[in-house]
Amino acid sequence: MPISLQEADEFEDKMKELESLCNPIIAKMYQGGAGAPPGGMDEDVPTTGGSGAGPKIEEVD
């Protein structure tokens, strides 16, 4: 079934709208704005586990 020009234009418009929303988010992630350090785990977090080693849910927000 061929796609009409109207459907193709509508698809293009929706893709541009989606890209305008997503591109700034993706760019921020690549700049390190996602919160995780590039090397993996943060050096200040103790590695000798236990149930109390990580942040609590209330602390994350």
N, C-alpha and C. Protein backbone atom coordinates (compact mmCIF):
# COMPACT_ATOMS: atom_id res chain seq x y z
N MET A 1 0.85 -1.18 0.00
CA MET A 1 0.00 0.00 0.00
C MET A 1 0.90 1.25 0.00
N PRO A 2 0.82 2.08 -1.00
CA PRO A 2 1.65 3.29 -1.07
C PRO A 2 1.20 4.34 -0.05
N ILE A 3 2.17 5.11 0.38
CA ILE A 3 1.92 6.19 1.35
C ILE A 3 1.63 7.47 0.58
N SER A 4 0.59 8.19 0.99
CA SER A 4 0.24 9.44 0.32
C SER A 4 1.22 10.54 0.73
N LEU A 5 1.27 11.57 -0.07
CA LEU A 5 2.13 12.71 0.25
C LEU A 5 1.70 13.37 1.55
N GLN A 6 0.42 13.42 1.81
CA GLN A 6 -0.09 14.01 3.05
C GLN A 6 0.40 13.21 4.26
N GLU A 7 0.36 11.88 4.17
CA GLU A 7 0.85 11.04 5.26
C GLU A 7 2.35 11.21 5.46
N ALA A 8 3.08 11.30 4.37
CA ALA A 8 4.53 11.49 4.46
C ALA A 8 4.86 12.83 5.10
N ASP A 9 4.16 13.89 4.71
CA ASP A 9 4.38 15.21 5.30
C ASP A 9 4.04 15.22 6.79
N GLU A 10 2.93 14.56 7.14
CA GLU A 10 2.53 14.47 8.54
C GLU A 10 3.58 13.72 9.36
N PHE A 11 4.11 12.65 8.78
CA PHE A 11 5.15 11.88 9.45
C PHE A 11 6.40 12.73 9.67
N GLU A 12 6.80 13.47 8.65
CA GLU A 12 7.97 14.34 8.75
C GLU A 12 7.78 15.40 9.84
N ASP A 13 6.60 15.98 9.89
CA ASP A 13 6.32 17.00 10.91
C ASP A 13 6.42 16.41 12.31
N LYS A 14 5.87 15.22 12.49
CA LYS A 14 5.92 14.57 13.81
C LYS A 14 7.35 14.20 14.17
N MET A 15 8.13 13.76 13.21
CA MET A 15 9.54 13.42 13.47
C MET A 15 10.32 14.67 13.89
N LYS A 16 10.09 15.78 13.22
CA LYS A 16 10.79 17.02 13.58
C LYS A 16 10.39 17.47 14.98
N GLU A 17 9.11 17.33 15.31
CA GLU A 17 8.64 17.70 16.64
C GLU A 17 9.29 16.81 17.70
N LEU A 18 9.35 15.53 17.43
CA LEU A 18 9.97 14.59 18.36
C LEU A 18 11.47 14.87 18.52
N GLU A 19 12.14 15.14 17.42
CA GLU A 19 13.57 15.44 17.48
C GLU A 19 13.83 16.72 18.27
N SER A 20 12.97 17.72 18.12
CA SER A 20 13.18 18.97 18.85
C SER A 20 13.02 18.77 20.35
N LEU A 21 12.24 17.77 20.74
CA LEU A 21 12.10 17.46 22.17
C LEU A 21 13.24 16.58 22.68
N CYS A 22 13.65 15.62 21.87
CA CYS A 22 14.64 14.63 22.32
C CYS A 22 16.09 15.10 22.20
N ASN A 23 16.40 15.85 21.17
CA ASN A 23 17.80 16.23 20.93
C ASN A 23 18.44 16.97 22.10
N PRO A 24 17.78 17.94 22.74
CA PRO A 24 18.42 18.59 23.89
C PRO A 24 18.67 17.62 25.05
N ILE A 25 17.78 16.67 25.24
CA ILE A 25 17.95 15.69 26.31
C ILE A 25 19.15 14.80 26.02
N ILE A 26 19.24 14.31 24.80
CA ILE A 26 20.36 13.45 24.41
C ILE A 26 21.67 14.22 24.49
N ALA A 27 21.68 15.47 24.06
CA ALA A 27 22.90 16.28 24.11
C ALA A 27 23.35 16.47 25.55
N LYS A 28 22.40 16.70 26.45
CA LYS A 28 22.74 16.88 27.86
C LYS A 28 23.31 15.60 28.46
N MET A 29 22.76 14.46 28.04
CA MET A 29 23.28 13.18 28.52
C MET A 29 24.75 13.00 28.09
N TYR A 30 25.03 13.32 26.84
CA TYR A 30 26.40 13.17 26.35
C TYR A 30 27.36 14.16 27.00
N GLN A 31 26.86 15.28 27.50
CA GLN A 31 27.70 16.26 28.17
C GLN A 31 27.92 15.92 29.63
N GLY A 32 27.33 14.83 30.10
CA GLY A 32 27.52 14.43 31.49
C GLY A 32 26.43 14.95 32.41
N GLY A 33 25.36 15.48 31.88
CA GLY A 33 24.29 16.00 32.69
C GLY A 33 23.35 14.92 33.20
N ALA A 34 23.62 13.66 32.89
CA ALA A 34 22.72 12.59 33.30
C ALA A 34 22.93 12.20 34.75
N GLY A 35 23.96 12.70 35.40
CA GLY A 35 24.17 12.43 36.81
C GLY A 35 25.22 11.37 37.09
N ALA A 36 25.45 10.46 36.19
CA ALA A 36 26.44 9.41 36.41
C ALA A 36 27.80 9.89 35.94
N PRO A 37 28.85 9.66 36.73
CA PRO A 37 30.19 10.03 36.28
C PRO A 37 30.63 9.16 35.13
N PRO A 38 31.48 9.68 34.24
CA PRO A 38 31.88 8.92 33.06
C PRO A 38 32.61 7.62 33.38
N GLY A 39 33.31 7.54 34.51
CA GLY A 39 34.09 6.35 34.83
C GLY A 39 33.29 5.24 35.49
N GLY A 40 32.03 5.41 35.68
CA GLY A 40 31.23 4.38 36.32
C GLY A 40 30.82 4.82 37.71
N MET A 41 31.24 4.06 38.71
CA MET A 41 30.84 4.38 40.09
C MET A 41 31.62 5.58 40.62
N ASP A 42 30.99 6.30 41.51
CA ASP A 42 31.63 7.45 42.14
C ASP A 42 32.67 6.96 43.15
N GLU A 43 33.80 7.65 43.27
CA GLU A 43 34.87 7.22 44.17
C GLU A 43 34.48 7.32 45.64
N ASP A 44 33.55 8.19 45.98
CA ASP A 44 33.16 8.38 47.37
C ASP A 44 32.25 7.27 47.90
N VAL A 45 31.68 6.47 47.04
CA VAL A 45 30.78 5.41 47.46
C VAL A 45 31.61 4.21 47.91
N PRO A 46 31.38 3.72 49.14
CA PRO A 46 32.15 2.56 49.60
C PRO A 46 31.81 1.31 48.80
N THR A 47 32.83 0.52 48.51
CA THR A 47 32.61 -0.68 47.71
C THR A 47 32.42 -1.92 48.58
N THR A 48 32.71 -1.84 49.87
CA THR A 48 32.50 -2.99 50.74
C THR A 48 31.07 -2.96 51.24
N GLY A 49 30.18 -3.46 50.43
CA GLY A 49 28.73 -3.46 50.50
C GLY A 49 28.06 -3.52 51.84
N GLY A 50 27.01 -4.24 51.89
CA GLY A 50 26.11 -4.21 53.01
C GLY A 50 24.85 -3.51 52.57
N SER A 51 23.80 -3.68 53.31
CA SER A 51 22.53 -3.10 52.87
C SER A 51 22.49 -1.59 53.06
N GLY A 52 23.35 -1.01 53.87
CA GLY A 52 23.32 0.43 54.11
C GLY A 52 24.32 1.21 53.30
N ALA A 53 24.94 0.62 52.28
CA ALA A 53 26.01 1.28 51.54
C ALA A 53 25.50 2.35 50.58
N GLY A 54 24.30 2.20 50.01
CA GLY A 54 23.82 3.13 49.00
C GLY A 54 22.88 4.16 49.58
N PRO A 55 22.51 5.12 48.75
CA PRO A 55 21.58 6.15 49.21
C PRO A 55 20.18 5.59 49.38
N LYS A 56 19.44 6.18 50.25
CA LYS A 56 18.05 5.79 50.46
C LYS A 56 17.19 6.47 49.40
N ILE A 57 16.03 5.96 49.15
CA ILE A 57 15.13 6.54 48.14
C ILE A 57 14.83 7.99 48.46
N GLU A 58 14.65 8.31 49.73
CA GLU A 58 14.35 9.68 50.12
C GLU A 58 15.52 10.61 49.82
N GLU A 59 16.75 10.10 49.86
CA GLU A 59 17.93 10.92 49.61
C GLU A 59 18.11 11.23 48.13
N VAL A 60 17.64 10.36 47.25
CA VAL A 60 17.84 10.53 45.82
C VAL A 60 17.01 11.69 45.30
N ASP A 61 15.79 11.82 45.78
CA ASP A 61 14.93 12.91 45.30
C ASP A 61 15.47 14.19 45.86
